Amino acid sequence: MKYSLTEGQLNGPAESETLDGLSALPKSYIEFLKEHNGGEGFIGDNYIIFWRAEELVDFNREYEVGTYAPGIFLFASSGGGEGYGFDTDDAAMPIVRIPFIGMDRQYIDTVARDLPGLFAWLAD
């Protein structure tokens, strides 16, 4: 799939060595990183910041996701108070939205089953 933003820019490909450590993540996301190592802008009226592959582990640690929302692996932000991540406790690893303030699994909102679905959902 070709990914594009309504406004903004996606980065060039991630280094393959960086991707080796992320192989447990969904295939559609790994394919995205092979083309675009992060980026930011609008999809429809919604702003999103896709984090760079080499930032993922650090950002998840800094946001203390493992403490407050175990099983969620964040990969993007709304640029405001919400993060987007994969629910790794679900075998299908759907994409969820979760608030940064008051982060807790009880507040997750499943928004898409894969990355193309997230782009479609944000475009609506």
PDB file of N, CA and C in Angstrom:
ATOM      1  N   MET A   1       0.850  -1.192   0.000  1.00  0.00           N
ATOM      2  CA  MET A   1       0.000   0.000   0.000  1.00  0.00           C
ATOM      3  C   MET A   1       0.889   1.246   0.000  1.00  0.00           C
ATOM      4  N   LYS A   2       0.444   2.253  -0.724  1.00  0.00           N
ATOM      5  CA  LYS A   2       1.126   3.545  -0.704  1.00  0.00           C
ATOM      6  C   LYS A   2       0.451   4.404   0.361  1.00  0.00           C
ATOM      7  N   TYR A   3       1.261   4.867   1.302  1.00  0.00           N
ATOM      8  CA  TYR A   3       0.742   5.715   2.376  1.00  0.00           C
ATOM      9  C   TYR A   3       1.035   7.160   2.042  1.00  0.00           C
ATOM     10  N   SER A   4       0.083   8.027   2.345  1.00  0.00           N
ATOM     11  CA  SER A   4       0.333   9.449   2.137  1.00  0.00           C
ATOM     12  C   SER A   4      -0.458  10.261   3.142  1.00  0.00           C
ATOM     13  N   LEU A   5       0.053  11.447   3.381  1.00  0.00           N
ATOM     14  CA  LEU A   5      -0.594  12.384   4.285  1.00  0.00           C
ATOM     15  C   LEU A   5      -1.310  13.436   3.457  1.00  0.00           C
ATOM     16  N   THR A   6      -2.414  13.966   3.990  1.00  0.00           N
ATOM     17  CA  THR A   6      -3.123  15.053   3.339  1.00  0.00           C
ATOM     18  C   THR A   6      -2.212  16.282   3.297  1.00  0.00           C
ATOM     19  N   GLU A   7      -1.473  16.472   4.384  1.00  0.00           N
ATOM     20  CA  GLU A   7      -0.539  17.594   4.518  1.00  0.00           C
ATOM     21  C   GLU A   7       0.546  17.147   5.475  1.00  0.00           C
ATOM     22  N   GLY A   8       1.795  17.467   5.179  1.00  0.00           N
ATOM     23  CA  GLY A   8       2.897  17.042   6.030  1.00  0.00           C
ATOM     24  C   GLY A   8       3.848  16.164   5.231  1.00  0.00           C
ATOM     25  N   GLN A   9       4.694  15.411   5.928  1.00  0.00           N
ATOM     26  CA  GLN A   9       5.688  14.620   5.227  1.00  0.00           C
ATOM     27  C   GLN A   9       6.020  13.338   5.973  1.00  0.00           C
ATOM     28  N   LEU A  10       6.170  12.261   5.209  1.00  0.00           N
ATOM     29  CA  LEU A  10       6.649  10.999   5.750  1.00  0.00           C
ATOM     30  C   LEU A  10       8.135  10.892   5.436  1.00  0.00           C
ATOM     31  N   ASN A  11       8.907  10.337   6.347  1.00  0.00           N
ATOM     32  CA  ASN A  11      10.351  10.195   6.174  1.00  0.00           C
ATOM     33  C   ASN A  11      10.667   9.058   5.205  1.00  0.00           C
ATOM     34  N   GLY A  12      11.931   8.972   4.842  1.00  0.00           N
ATOM     35  CA  GLY A  12      12.417   7.874   4.019  1.00  0.00           C
ATOM     36  C   GLY A  12      12.483   6.585   4.831  1.00  0.00           C
ATOM     37  N   PRO A  13      12.976   5.504   4.228  1.00  0.00           N
ATOM     38  CA  PRO A  13      12.972   4.193   4.866  1.00  0.00           C
ATOM     39  C   PRO A  13      13.813   4.109   6.138  1.00  0.00           C
ATOM     40  N   ALA A  14      13.396   3.201   7.037  1.00  0.00           N
ATOM     41  CA  ALA A  14      14.166   2.900   8.245  1.00  0.00           C
ATOM     42  C   ALA A  14      15.332   1.988   7.875  1.00  0.00           C
ATOM     43  N   GLU A  15      16.382   2.023   8.671  1.00  0.00           N
ATOM     44  CA  GLU A  15      17.524   1.125   8.480  1.00  0.00           C
ATOM     45  C   GLU A  15      17.068  -0.309   8.763  1.00  0.00           C
ATOM     46  N   SER A  16      17.474  -1.251   7.931  1.00  0.00           N
ATOM     47  CA  SER A  16      17.031  -2.631   8.113  1.00  0.00           C
ATOM     48  C   SER A  16      17.485  -3.208   9.450  1.00  0.00           C
ATOM     49  N   GLU A  17      18.665  -2.800   9.963  1.00  0.00           N
ATOM     50  CA  GLU A  17      19.130  -3.289  11.264  1.00  0.00           C
ATOM     51  C   GLU A  17      18.164  -2.870  12.379  1.00  0.00           C
ATOM     52  N   THR A  18      17.613  -1.671  12.262  1.00  0.00           N
ATOM     53  CA  THR A  18      16.660  -1.183  13.261  1.00  0.00           C
ATOM     54  C   THR A  18      15.395  -2.018  13.234  1.00  0.00           C
ATOM     55  N   LEU A  19      14.970  -2.429  12.048  1.00  0.00           N
ATOM     56  CA  LEU A  19      13.734  -3.197  11.906  1.00  0.00           C
ATOM     57  C   LEU A  19      13.857  -4.608  12.454  1.00  0.00           C
ATOM     58  N   ASP A  20      15.070  -5.153  12.485  1.00  0.00           N
ATOM     59  CA  ASP A  20      15.264  -6.518  12.981  1.00  0.00           C
ATOM     60  C   ASP A  20      14.720  -6.695  14.390  1.00  0.00           C
ATOM     61  N   GLY A  21      14.892  -5.695  15.234  1.00  0.00           N
ATOM     62  CA  GLY A  21      14.415  -5.776  16.611  1.00  0.00           C
ATOM     63  C   GLY A  21      12.922  -5.571  16.777  1.00  0.00           C
ATOM     64  N   LEU A  22      12.231  -5.262  15.690  1.00  0.00           N
ATOM     65  CA  LEU A  22      10.792  -4.972  15.759  1.00  0.00           C
ATOM     66  C   LEU A  22       9.951  -6.029  15.055  1.00  0.00           C
ATOM     67  N   SER A  23      10.554  -7.165  14.747  1.00  0.00           N
ATOM     68  CA  SER A  23       9.887  -8.175  13.913  1.00  0.00           C
ATOM     69  C   SER A  23       8.606  -8.749  14.514  1.00  0.00           C
ATOM     70  N   ALA A  24       8.390  -8.581  15.823  1.00  0.00           N
ATOM     71  CA  ALA A  24       7.169  -9.093  16.447  1.00  0.00           C
ATOM     72  C   ALA A  24       5.953  -8.203  16.154  1.00  0.00           C
ATOM     73  N   LEU A  25       6.186  -7.010  15.604  1.00  0.00           N
ATOM     74  CA  LEU A  25       5.079  -6.090  15.315  1.00  0.00           C
ATOM     75  C   LEU A  25       4.373  -6.492  14.018  1.00  0.00           C
ATOM     76  N   PRO A  26       3.132  -6.011  13.818  1.00  0.00           N
ATOM     77  CA  PRO A  26       2.359  -6.406  12.631  1.00  0.00           C
ATOM     78  C   PRO A  26       3.070  -6.107  11.309  1.00  0.00           C
ATOM     79  N   LYS A  27       2.844  -7.011  10.358  1.00  0.00           N
ATOM     80  CA  LYS A  27       3.479  -6.934   9.042  1.00  0.00           C
ATOM     81  C   LYS A  27       3.199  -5.594   8.345  1.00  0.00           C
ATOM     82  N   SER A  28       1.958  -5.097   8.409  1.00  0.00           N
ATOM     83  CA  SER A  28       1.639  -3.839   7.720  1.00  0.00           C
ATOM     84  C   SER A  28       2.466  -2.681   8.282  1.00  0.00           C
ATOM     85  N   TYR A  29       2.754  -2.727   9.580  1.00  0.00           N
ATOM     86  CA  TYR A  29       3.559  -1.657  10.187  1.00  0.00           C
ATOM     87  C   TYR A  29       5.028  -1.782   9.792  1.00  0.00           C
ATOM     88  N   ILE A  30       5.547  -2.997   9.764  1.00  0.00           N
ATOM     89  CA  ILE A  30       6.948  -3.212   9.347  1.00  0.00           C
ATOM     90  C   ILE A  30       7.115  -2.762   7.887  1.00  0.00           C
ATOM     91  N   GLU A  31       6.143  -3.090   7.043  1.00  0.00           N
ATOM     92  CA  GLU A  31       6.190  -2.653   5.637  1.00  0.00           C
ATOM     93  C   GLU A  31       6.180  -1.130   5.550  1.00  0.00           C
ATOM     94  N   PHE A  32       5.372  -0.481   6.397  1.00  0.00           N
ATOM     95  CA  PHE A  32       5.332   0.984   6.454  1.00  0.00           C
ATOM     96  C   PHE A  32       6.717   1.533   6.796  1.00  0.00           C
ATOM     97  N   LEU A  33       7.372   0.949   7.822  1.00  0.00           N
ATOM     98  CA  LEU A  33       8.697   1.425   8.240  1.00  0.00           C
ATOM     99  C   LEU A  33       9.750   1.211   7.159  1.00  0.00           C
ATOM    100  N   LYS A  34       9.586   0.179   6.344  1.00  0.00           N
ATOM    101  CA  LYS A  34      10.528  -0.061   5.246  1.00  0.00           C
ATOM    102  C   LYS A  34      10.458   1.061   4.213  1.00  0.00           C
ATOM    103  N   GLU A  35       9.299   1.714   4.143  1.00  0.00           N
ATOM    104  CA  GLU A  35       9.109   2.836   3.222  1.00  0.00           C
ATOM    105  C   GLU A  35       9.272   4.193   3.915  1.00  0.00           C
ATOM    106  N   HIS A  36       8.753   4.267   5.141  1.00  0.00           N
ATOM    107  CA  HIS A  36       8.670   5.556   5.848  1.00  0.00           C
ATOM    108  C   HIS A  36       9.044   5.391   7.308  1.00  0.00           C
ATOM    109  N   ASN A  37      10.205   5.866   7.688  1.00  0.00           N
ATOM    110  CA  ASN A  37      10.629   5.802   9.092  1.00  0.00           C
ATOM    111  C   ASN A  37      10.072   7.016   9.825  1.00  0.00           C
ATOM    112  N   GLY A  38       8.800   6.955  10.120  1.00  0.00           N
ATOM    113  CA  GLY A  38       8.144   8.047  10.823  1.00  0.00           C
ATOM    114  C   GLY A  38       7.744   9.174   9.889  1.00  0.00           C
ATOM    115  N   GLY A  39       7.312  10.252  10.492  1.00  0.00           N
ATOM    116  CA  GLY A  39       6.844  11.414   9.753  1.00  0.00           C
ATOM    117  C   GLY A  39       5.679  12.021  10.491  1.00  0.00           C
ATOM    118  N   GLU A  40       5.235  13.174  10.019  1.00  0.00           N
ATOM    119  CA  GLU A  40       4.097  13.789  10.689  1.00  0.00           C
ATOM    120  C   GLU A  40       3.324  14.698   9.760  1.00  0.00           C
ATOM    121  N   GLY A  41       2.049  14.834  10.077  1.00  0.00           N
ATOM    122  CA  GLY A  41       1.172  15.698   9.316  1.00  0.00           C
ATOM    123  C   GLY A  41      -0.276  15.292   9.500  1.00  0.00           C
ATOM    124  N   PHE A  42      -1.104  15.761   8.581  1.00  0.00           N
ATOM    125  CA  PHE A  42      -2.534  15.501   8.659  1.00  0.00           C
ATOM    126  C   PHE A  42      -2.941  14.342   7.752  1.00  0.00           C
ATOM    127  N   ILE A  43      -3.866  13.557   8.264  1.00  0.00           N
ATOM    128  CA  ILE A  43      -4.607  12.591   7.445  1.00  0.00           C
ATOM    129  C   ILE A  43      -6.045  13.055   7.606  1.00  0.00           C
ATOM    130  N   GLY A  44      -6.607  13.613   6.553  1.00  0.00           N
ATOM    131  CA  GLY A  44      -7.897  14.276   6.687  1.00  0.00           C
ATOM    132  C   GLY A  44      -7.723  15.458   7.622  1.00  0.00           C
ATOM    133  N   ASP A  45      -8.597  15.553   8.633  1.00  0.00           N
ATOM    134  CA  ASP A  45      -8.513  16.643   9.613  1.00  0.00           C
ATOM    135  C   ASP A  45      -7.722  16.250  10.855  1.00  0.00           C
ATOM    136  N   ASN A  46      -7.187  15.033  10.883  1.00  0.00           N
ATOM    137  CA  ASN A  46      -6.516  14.511  12.070  1.00  0.00           C
ATOM    138  C   ASN A  46      -4.996  14.577  11.930  1.00  0.00           C
ATOM    139  N   TYR A  47      -4.338  15.125  12.962  1.00  0.00           N
ATOM    140  CA  TYR A  47      -2.885  15.227  12.971  1.00  0.00           C
ATOM    141  C   TYR A  47      -2.307  13.960  13.582  1.00  0.00           C
ATOM    142  N   ILE A  48      -1.187  13.490  13.037  1.00  0.00           N
ATOM    143  CA  ILE A  48      -0.524  12.311  13.583  1.00  0.00           C
ATOM    144  C   ILE A  48       0.986  12.446  13.427  1.00  0.00           C
ATOM    145  N   ILE A  49       1.694  11.973  14.440  1.00  0.00           N
ATOM    146  CA  ILE A  49       3.160  11.919  14.410  1.00  0.00           C
ATOM    147  C   ILE A  49       3.539  10.449  14.509  1.00  0.00           C
ATOM    148  N   PHE A  50       4.070   9.909  13.420  1.00  0.00           N
ATOM    149  CA  PHE A  50       4.584   8.537  13.445  1.00  0.00           C
ATOM    150  C   PHE A  50       6.013   8.599  13.943  1.00  0.00           C
ATOM    151  N   TRP A  51       6.310   7.868  15.018  1.00  0.00           N
ATOM    152  CA  TRP A  51       7.645   7.890  15.590  1.00  0.00           C
ATOM    153  C   TRP A  51       8.614   7.100  14.724  1.00  0.00           C
ATOM    154  N   ARG A  52       9.871   7.489  14.747  1.00  0.00           N
ATOM    155  CA  ARG A  52      10.920   6.786  14.012  1.00  0.00           C
ATOM    156  C   ARG A  52      11.185   5.436  14.688  1.00  0.00           C
ATOM    157  N   ALA A  53      11.548   4.452  13.903  1.00  0.00           N
ATOM    158  CA  ALA A  53      11.770   3.094  14.417  1.00  0.00           C
ATOM    159  C   ALA A  53      12.741   3.083  15.594  1.00  0.00           C
ATOM    160  N   GLU A  54      13.804   3.874  15.497  1.00  0.00           N
ATOM    161  CA  GLU A  54      14.812   3.861  16.563  1.00  0.00           C
ATOM    162  C   GLU A  54      14.350   4.571  17.832  1.00  0.00           C
ATOM    163  N   GLU A  55      13.205   5.255  17.790  1.00  0.00           N
ATOM    164  CA  GLU A  55      12.662   5.951  18.965  1.00  0.00           C
ATOM    165  C   GLU A  55      11.611   5.131  19.711  1.00  0.00           C
ATOM    166  N   LEU A  56      11.088   4.091  19.082  1.00  0.00           N
ATOM    167  CA  LEU A  56       9.939   3.376  19.620  1.00  0.00           C
ATOM    168  C   LEU A  56      10.150   2.842  21.032  1.00  0.00           C
ATOM    169  N   VAL A  57      11.223   2.110  21.242  1.00  0.00           N
ATOM    170  CA  VAL A  57      11.463   1.508  22.554  1.00  0.00           C
ATOM    171  C   VAL A  57      11.653   2.585  23.616  1.00  0.00           C
ATOM    172  N   ASP A  58      12.439   3.629  23.294  1.00  0.00           N
ATOM    173  CA  ASP A  58      12.665   4.715  24.251  1.00  0.00           C
ATOM    174  C   ASP A  58      11.369   5.437  24.601  1.00  0.00           C
ATOM    175  N   PHE A  59      10.558   5.760  23.599  1.00  0.00           N
ATOM    176  CA  PHE A  59       9.310   6.469  23.869  1.00  0.00           C
ATOM    177  C   PHE A  59       8.372   5.621  24.717  1.00  0.00           C
ATOM    178  N   ASN A  60       8.287   4.319  24.436  1.00  0.00           N
ATOM    179  CA  ASN A  60       7.425   3.456  25.240  1.00  0.00           C
ATOM    180  C   ASN A  60       7.915   3.401  26.683  1.00  0.00           C
ATOM    181  N   ARG A  61       9.232   3.407  26.881  1.00  0.00           N
ATOM    182  CA  ARG A  61       9.792   3.400  28.236  1.00  0.00           C
ATOM    183  C   ARG A  61       9.532   4.752  28.914  1.00  0.00           C
ATOM    184  N   GLU A  62       9.766   5.855  28.207  1.00  0.00           N
ATOM    185  CA  GLU A  62       9.575   7.186  28.795  1.00  0.00           C
ATOM    186  C   GLU A  62       8.120   7.445  29.187  1.00  0.00           C
ATOM    187  N   TYR A  63       7.185   6.955  28.383  1.00  0.00           N
ATOM    188  CA  TYR A  63       5.761   7.116  28.714  1.00  0.00           C
ATOM    189  C   TYR A  63       5.305   6.099  29.750  1.00  0.00           C
ATOM    190  N   GLU A  64       6.221   5.186  30.157  1.00  0.00           N
ATOM    191  CA  GLU A  64       5.925   4.151  31.146  1.00  0.00           C
ATOM    192  C   GLU A  64       4.702   3.323  30.763  1.00  0.00           C
ATOM    193  N   VAL A  65       4.625   2.985  29.493  1.00  0.00           N
ATOM    194  CA  VAL A  65       3.485   2.231  28.982  1.00  0.00           C
ATOM    195  C   VAL A  65       3.391   0.867  29.667  1.00  0.00           C
ATOM    196  N   GLY A  66       4.525   0.215  29.877  1.00  0.00           N
ATOM    197  CA  GLY A  66       4.526  -1.098  30.519  1.00  0.00           C
ATOM    198  C   GLY A  66       3.938  -1.081  31.920  1.00  0.00           C
ATOM    199  N   THR A  67       4.054   0.056  32.607  1.00  0.00           N
ATOM    200  CA  THR A  67       3.514   0.204  33.956  1.00  0.00           C
ATOM    201  C   THR A  67       2.021   0.510  33.920  1.00  0.00           C
ATOM    202  N   TYR A  68       1.632   1.462  33.070  1.00  0.00           N
ATOM    203  CA  TYR A  68       0.260   1.963  33.089  1.00  0.00           C
ATOM    204  C   TYR A  68      -0.691   1.256  32.130  1.00  0.00           C
ATOM    205  N   ALA A  69      -0.161   0.730  31.045  1.00  0.00           N
ATOM    206  CA  ALA A  69      -1.014   0.058  30.049  1.00  0.00           C
ATOM    207  C   ALA A  69      -0.265  -1.145  29.479  1.00  0.00           C
ATOM    208  N   PRO A  70       0.026  -2.135  30.331  1.00  0.00           N
ATOM    209  CA  PRO A  70       0.789  -3.298  29.859  1.00  0.00           C
ATOM    210  C   PRO A  70       0.123  -3.942  28.652  1.00  0.00           C
ATOM    211  N   GLY A  71       0.966  -4.352  27.697  1.00  0.00           N
ATOM    212  CA  GLY A  71       0.440  -4.988  26.487  1.00  0.00           C
ATOM    213  C   GLY A  71       0.232  -4.015  25.339  1.00  0.00           C
ATOM    214  N   ILE A  72       0.315  -2.720  25.610  1.00  0.00           N
ATOM    215  CA  ILE A  72       0.191  -1.733  24.543  1.00  0.00           C
ATOM    216  C   ILE A  72       1.608  -1.336  24.106  1.00  0.00           C
ATOM    217  N   PHE A  73       1.828  -1.268  22.798  1.00  0.00           N
ATOM    218  CA  PHE A  73       3.110  -0.814  22.252  1.00  0.00           C
ATOM    219  C   PHE A  73       2.826   0.385  21.365  1.00  0.00           C
ATOM    220  N   LEU A  74       3.170   1.581  21.858  1.00  0.00           N
ATOM    221  CA  LEU A  74       2.883   2.825  21.137  1.00  0.00           C
ATOM    222  C   LEU A  74       3.836   3.028  19.967  1.00  0.00           C
ATOM    223  N   PHE A  75       3.301   3.619  18.876  1.00  0.00           N
ATOM    224  CA  PHE A  75       4.127   3.919  17.702  1.00  0.00           C
ATOM    225  C   PHE A  75       3.854   5.305  17.132  1.00  0.00           C
ATOM    226  N   ALA A  76       2.866   6.003  17.673  1.00  0.00           N
ATOM    227  CA  ALA A  76       2.498   7.312  17.126  1.00  0.00           C
ATOM    228  C   ALA A  76       1.757   8.126  18.181  1.00  0.00           C
ATOM    229  N   SER A  77       1.625   9.417  17.886  1.00  0.00           N
ATOM    230  CA  SER A  77       0.940  10.343  18.771  1.00  0.00           C
ATOM    231  C   SER A  77       0.023  11.241  17.944  1.00  0.00           C
ATOM    232  N   SER A  78      -1.008  11.743  18.599  1.00  0.00           N
ATOM    233  CA  SER A  78      -1.911  12.697  17.935  1.00  0.00           C
ATOM    234  C   SER A  78      -1.294  14.096  17.912  1.00  0.00           C
ATOM    235  N   GLY A  79      -0.150  14.258  18.565  1.00  0.00           N
ATOM    236  CA  GLY A  79       0.445  15.580  18.703  1.00  0.00           C
ATOM    237  C   GLY A  79      -0.188  16.333  19.856  1.00  0.00           C
ATOM    238  N   GLY A  80      -1.179  15.705  20.469  1.00  0.00           N
ATOM    239  CA  GLY A  80      -1.860  16.275  21.630  1.00  0.00           C
ATOM    240  C   GLY A  80      -1.779  15.280  22.771  1.00  0.00           C
ATOM    241  N   GLY A  81      -2.896  14.887  23.294  1.00  0.00           N
ATOM    242  CA  GLY A  81      -2.899  14.048  24.484  1.00  0.00           C
ATOM    243  C   GLY A  81      -3.090  12.570  24.270  1.00  0.00           C
ATOM    244  N   GLU A  82      -2.994  12.088  23.030  1.00  0.00           N
ATOM    245  CA  GLU A  82      -3.277  10.674  22.791  1.00  0.00           C
ATOM    246  C   GLU A  82      -2.167   9.992  22.012  1.00  0.00           C
ATOM    247  N   GLY A  83      -2.022   8.711  22.306  1.00  0.00           N
ATOM    248  CA  GLY A  83      -1.073   7.888  21.577  1.00  0.00           C
ATOM    249  C   GLY A  83      -1.802   6.823  20.789  1.00  0.00           C
ATOM    250  N   TYR A  84      -1.143   6.295  19.769  1.00  0.00           N
ATOM    251  CA  TYR A  84      -1.655   5.174  18.987  1.00  0.00           C
ATOM    252  C   TYR A  84      -0.680   4.023  19.163  1.00  0.00           C
ATOM    253  N   GLY A  85      -1.225   2.850  19.382  1.00  0.00           N
ATOM    254  CA  GLY A  85      -0.364   1.697  19.595  1.00  0.00           C
ATOM    255  C   GLY A  85      -1.039   0.406  19.203  1.00  0.00           C
ATOM    256  N   PHE A  86      -0.265  -0.663  19.319  1.00  0.00           N
ATOM    257  CA  PHE A  86      -0.788  -2.002  19.056  1.00  0.00           C
ATOM    258  C   PHE A  86      -1.131  -2.650  20.389  1.00  0.00           C
ATOM    259  N   ASP A  87      -2.273  -3.348  20.441  1.00  0.00           N
ATOM    260  CA  ASP A  87      -2.636  -4.117  21.625  1.00  0.00           C
ATOM    261  C   ASP A  87      -2.039  -5.504  21.455  1.00  0.00           C
ATOM    262  N   THR A  88      -0.851  -5.706  22.030  1.00  0.00           N
ATOM    263  CA  THR A  88      -0.137  -6.968  21.846  1.00  0.00           C
ATOM    264  C   THR A  88      -0.739  -8.112  22.668  1.00  0.00           C
ATOM    265  N   ASP A  89      -1.703  -7.793  23.560  1.00  0.00           N
ATOM    266  CA  ASP A  89      -2.392  -8.852  24.309  1.00  0.00           C
ATOM    267  C   ASP A  89      -3.428  -9.555  23.439  1.00  0.00           C
ATOM    268  N   ASP A  90      -3.779  -8.948  22.314  1.00  0.00           N
ATOM    269  CA  ASP A  90      -4.727  -9.521  21.357  1.00  0.00           C
ATOM    270  C   ASP A  90      -3.892 -10.091  20.203  1.00  0.00           C
ATOM    271  N   ALA A  91      -4.109 -11.352  19.859  1.00  0.00           N
ATOM    272  CA  ALA A  91      -3.315 -12.003  18.805  1.00  0.00           C
ATOM    273  C   ALA A  91      -3.359 -11.236  17.485  1.00  0.00           C
ATOM    274  N   ALA A  92      -4.473 -10.549  17.200  1.00  0.00           N
ATOM    275  CA  ALA A  92      -4.614  -9.786  15.950  1.00  0.00           C
ATOM    276  C   ALA A  92      -3.857  -8.451  16.002  1.00  0.00           C
ATOM    277  N   MET A  93      -3.420  -8.045  17.182  1.00  0.00           N
ATOM    278  CA  MET A  93      -2.721  -6.772  17.411  1.00  0.00           C
ATOM    279  C   MET A  93      -3.418  -5.580  16.753  1.00  0.00           C
ATOM    280  N   PRO A  94      -4.675  -5.322  17.131  1.00  0.00           N
ATOM    281  CA  PRO A  94      -5.359  -4.150  16.577  1.00  0.00           C
ATOM    282  C   PRO A  94      -4.701  -2.858  17.047  1.00  0.00           C
ATOM    283  N   ILE A  95      -4.989  -1.783  16.322  1.00  0.00           N
ATOM    284  CA  ILE A  95      -4.469  -0.458  16.682  1.00  0.00           C
ATOM    285  C   ILE A  95      -5.467   0.204  17.618  1.00  0.00           C
ATOM    286  N   VAL A  96      -4.926   0.719  18.723  1.00  0.00           N
ATOM    287  CA  VAL A  96      -5.755   1.381  19.726  1.00  0.00           C
ATOM    288  C   VAL A  96      -5.280   2.818  19.925  1.00  0.00           C
ATOM    289  N   ARG A  97      -6.209   3.610  20.429  1.00  0.00           N
ATOM    290  CA  ARG A  97      -5.895   4.988  20.829  1.00  0.00           C
ATOM    291  C   ARG A  97      -5.997   5.019  22.348  1.00  0.00           C
ATOM    292  N   ILE A  98      -5.045   5.707  22.996  1.00  0.00           N
ATOM    293  CA  ILE A  98      -5.025   5.746  24.462  1.00  0.00           C
ATOM    294  C   ILE A  98      -4.565   7.127  24.914  1.00  0.00           C
ATOM    295  N   PRO A  99      -5.177   7.679  25.978  1.00  0.00           N
ATOM    296  CA  PRO A  99      -4.728   8.984  26.475  1.00  0.00           C
ATOM    297  C   PRO A  99      -3.372   8.867  27.165  1.00  0.00           C
ATOM    298  N   PHE A 100      -2.515   9.885  26.995  1.00  0.00           N
ATOM    299  CA  PHE A 100      -1.234   9.914  27.698  1.00  0.00           C
ATOM    300  C   PHE A 100      -1.428  10.235  29.180  1.00  0.00           C
ATOM    301  N   ILE A 101      -2.359  11.147  29.472  1.00  0.00           N
ATOM    302  CA  ILE A 101      -2.636  11.523  30.864  1.00  0.00           C
ATOM    303  C   ILE A 101      -3.724  10.573  31.367  1.00  0.00           C
ATOM    304  N   GLY A 102      -3.437   9.895  32.454  1.00  0.00           N
ATOM    305  CA  GLY A 102      -4.385   8.907  32.955  1.00  0.00           C
ATOM    306  C   GLY A 102      -4.334   7.633  32.123  1.00  0.00           C
ATOM    307  N   MET A 103      -3.152   7.343  31.566  1.00  0.00           N
ATOM    308  CA  MET A 103      -2.994   6.162  30.721  1.00  0.00           C
ATOM    309  C   MET A 103      -3.371   4.905  31.501  1.00  0.00           C
ATOM    310  N   ASP A 104      -4.310   4.137  30.935  1.00  0.00           N
ATOM    311  CA  ASP A 104      -4.765   2.901  31.558  1.00  0.00           C
ATOM    312  C   ASP A 104      -5.463   2.081  30.480  1.00  0.00           C
ATOM    313  N   ARG A 105      -5.308   0.771  30.540  1.00  0.00           N
ATOM    314  CA  ARG A 105      -5.942  -0.087  29.536  1.00  0.00           C
ATOM    315  C   ARG A 105      -7.458   0.112  29.473  1.00  0.00           C
ATOM    316  N   GLN A 106      -8.076   0.517  30.581  1.00  0.00           N
ATOM    317  CA  GLN A 106      -9.534   0.692  30.563  1.00  0.00           C
ATOM    318  C   GLN A 106      -9.969   1.808  29.611  1.00  0.00           C
ATOM    319  N   TYR A 107      -9.033   2.686  29.234  1.00  0.00           N
ATOM    320  CA  TYR A 107      -9.377   3.817  28.365  1.00  0.00           C
ATOM    321  C   TYR A 107      -8.990   3.596  26.906  1.00  0.00           C
ATOM    322  N   ILE A 108      -8.516   2.384  26.564  1.00  0.00           N
ATOM    323  CA  ILE A 108      -8.157   2.179  25.164  1.00  0.00           C
ATOM    324  C   ILE A 108      -9.407   2.131  24.297  1.00  0.00           C
ATOM    325  N   ASP A 109      -9.248   2.626  23.099  1.00  0.00           N
ATOM    326  CA  ASP A 109     -10.319   2.651  22.105  1.00  0.00           C
ATOM    327  C   ASP A 109      -9.733   1.996  20.853  1.00  0.00           C
ATOM    328  N   THR A 110     -10.252   0.834  20.483  1.00  0.00           N
ATOM    329  CA  THR A 110      -9.758   0.167  19.278  1.00  0.00           C
ATOM    330  C   THR A 110     -10.256   0.933  18.056  1.00  0.00           C
ATOM    331  N   VAL A 111      -9.312   1.375  17.206  1.00  0.00           N
ATOM    332  CA  VAL A 111      -9.683   2.229  16.074  1.00  0.00           C
ATOM    333  C   VAL A 111      -9.457   1.581  14.708  1.00  0.00           C
ATOM    334  N   ALA A 112      -8.602   0.551  14.639  1.00  0.00           N
ATOM    335  CA  ALA A 112      -8.342  -0.080  13.335  1.00  0.00           C
ATOM    336  C   ALA A 112      -7.716  -1.458  13.553  1.00  0.00           C
ATOM    337  N   ARG A 113      -7.860  -2.324  12.554  1.00  0.00           N
ATOM    338  CA  ARG A 113      -7.261  -3.656  12.681  1.00  0.00           C
ATOM    339  C   ARG A 113      -5.842  -3.709  12.133  1.00  0.00           C
ATOM    340  N   ASP A 114      -5.457  -2.674  11.335  1.00  0.00           N
ATOM    341  CA  ASP A 114      -4.103  -2.624  10.779  1.00  0.00           C
ATOM    342  C   ASP A 114      -3.793  -1.190  10.346  1.00  0.00           C
ATOM    343  N   LEU A 115      -2.582  -0.982   9.854  1.00  0.00           N
ATOM    344  CA  LEU A 115      -2.164   0.378   9.496  1.00  0.00           C
ATOM    345  C   LEU A 115      -2.998   0.985   8.360  1.00  0.00           C
ATOM    346  N   PRO A 116      -3.293   0.240   7.279  1.00  0.00           N
ATOM    347  CA  PRO A 116      -4.184   0.826   6.269  1.00  0.00           C
ATOM    348  C   PRO A 116      -5.527   1.243   6.862  1.00  0.00           C
ATOM    349  N   GLY A 117      -6.020   0.450   7.821  1.00  0.00           N
ATOM    350  CA  GLY A 117      -7.280   0.790   8.492  1.00  0.00           C
ATOM    351  C   GLY A 117      -7.168   2.065   9.307  1.00  0.00           C
ATOM    352  N   LEU A 118      -5.986   2.288   9.937  1.00  0.00           N
ATOM    353  CA  LEU A 118      -5.785   3.526  10.700  1.00  0.00           C
ATOM    354  C   LEU A 118      -5.808   4.730   9.761  1.00  0.00           C
ATOM    355  N   PHE A 119      -5.133   4.626   8.631  1.00  0.00           N
ATOM    356  CA  PHE A 119      -5.143   5.729   7.659  1.00  0.00           C
ATOM    357  C   PHE A 119      -6.585   6.016   7.207  1.00  0.00           C
ATOM    358  N   ALA A 120      -7.353   4.970   6.943  1.00  0.00           N
ATOM    359  CA  ALA A 120      -8.757   5.142   6.524  1.00  0.00           C
ATOM    360  C   ALA A 120      -9.582   5.780   7.636  1.00  0.00           C
ATOM    361  N   TRP A 121      -9.382   5.312   8.876  1.00  0.00           N
ATOM    362  CA  TRP A 121     -10.137   5.830  10.010  1.00  0.00           C
ATOM    363  C   TRP A 121      -9.824   7.316  10.241  1.00  0.00           C
ATOM    364  N   LEU A 122      -8.555   7.679  10.166  1.00  0.00           N
ATOM    365  CA  LEU A 122      -8.174   9.074  10.367  1.00  0.00           C
ATOM    366  C   LEU A 122      -8.687   9.970   9.223  1.00  0.00           C
ATOM    367  N   ALA A 123      -8.801   9.421   8.036  1.00  0.00           N
ATOM    368  CA  ALA A 123      -9.263  10.197   6.880  1.00  0.00           C
ATOM    369  C   ALA A 123     -10.751  10.509   6.959  1.00  0.00           C
ATOM    370  N   ASP A 124     -11.517   9.692   7.701  1.00  0.00           N
ATOM    371  CA  ASP A 124     -12.977   9.899   7.800  1.00  0.00           C
ATOM    372  C   ASP A 124     -13.334  11.085   8.644  1.00  0.00           C
TER     373      ASP A 124
END
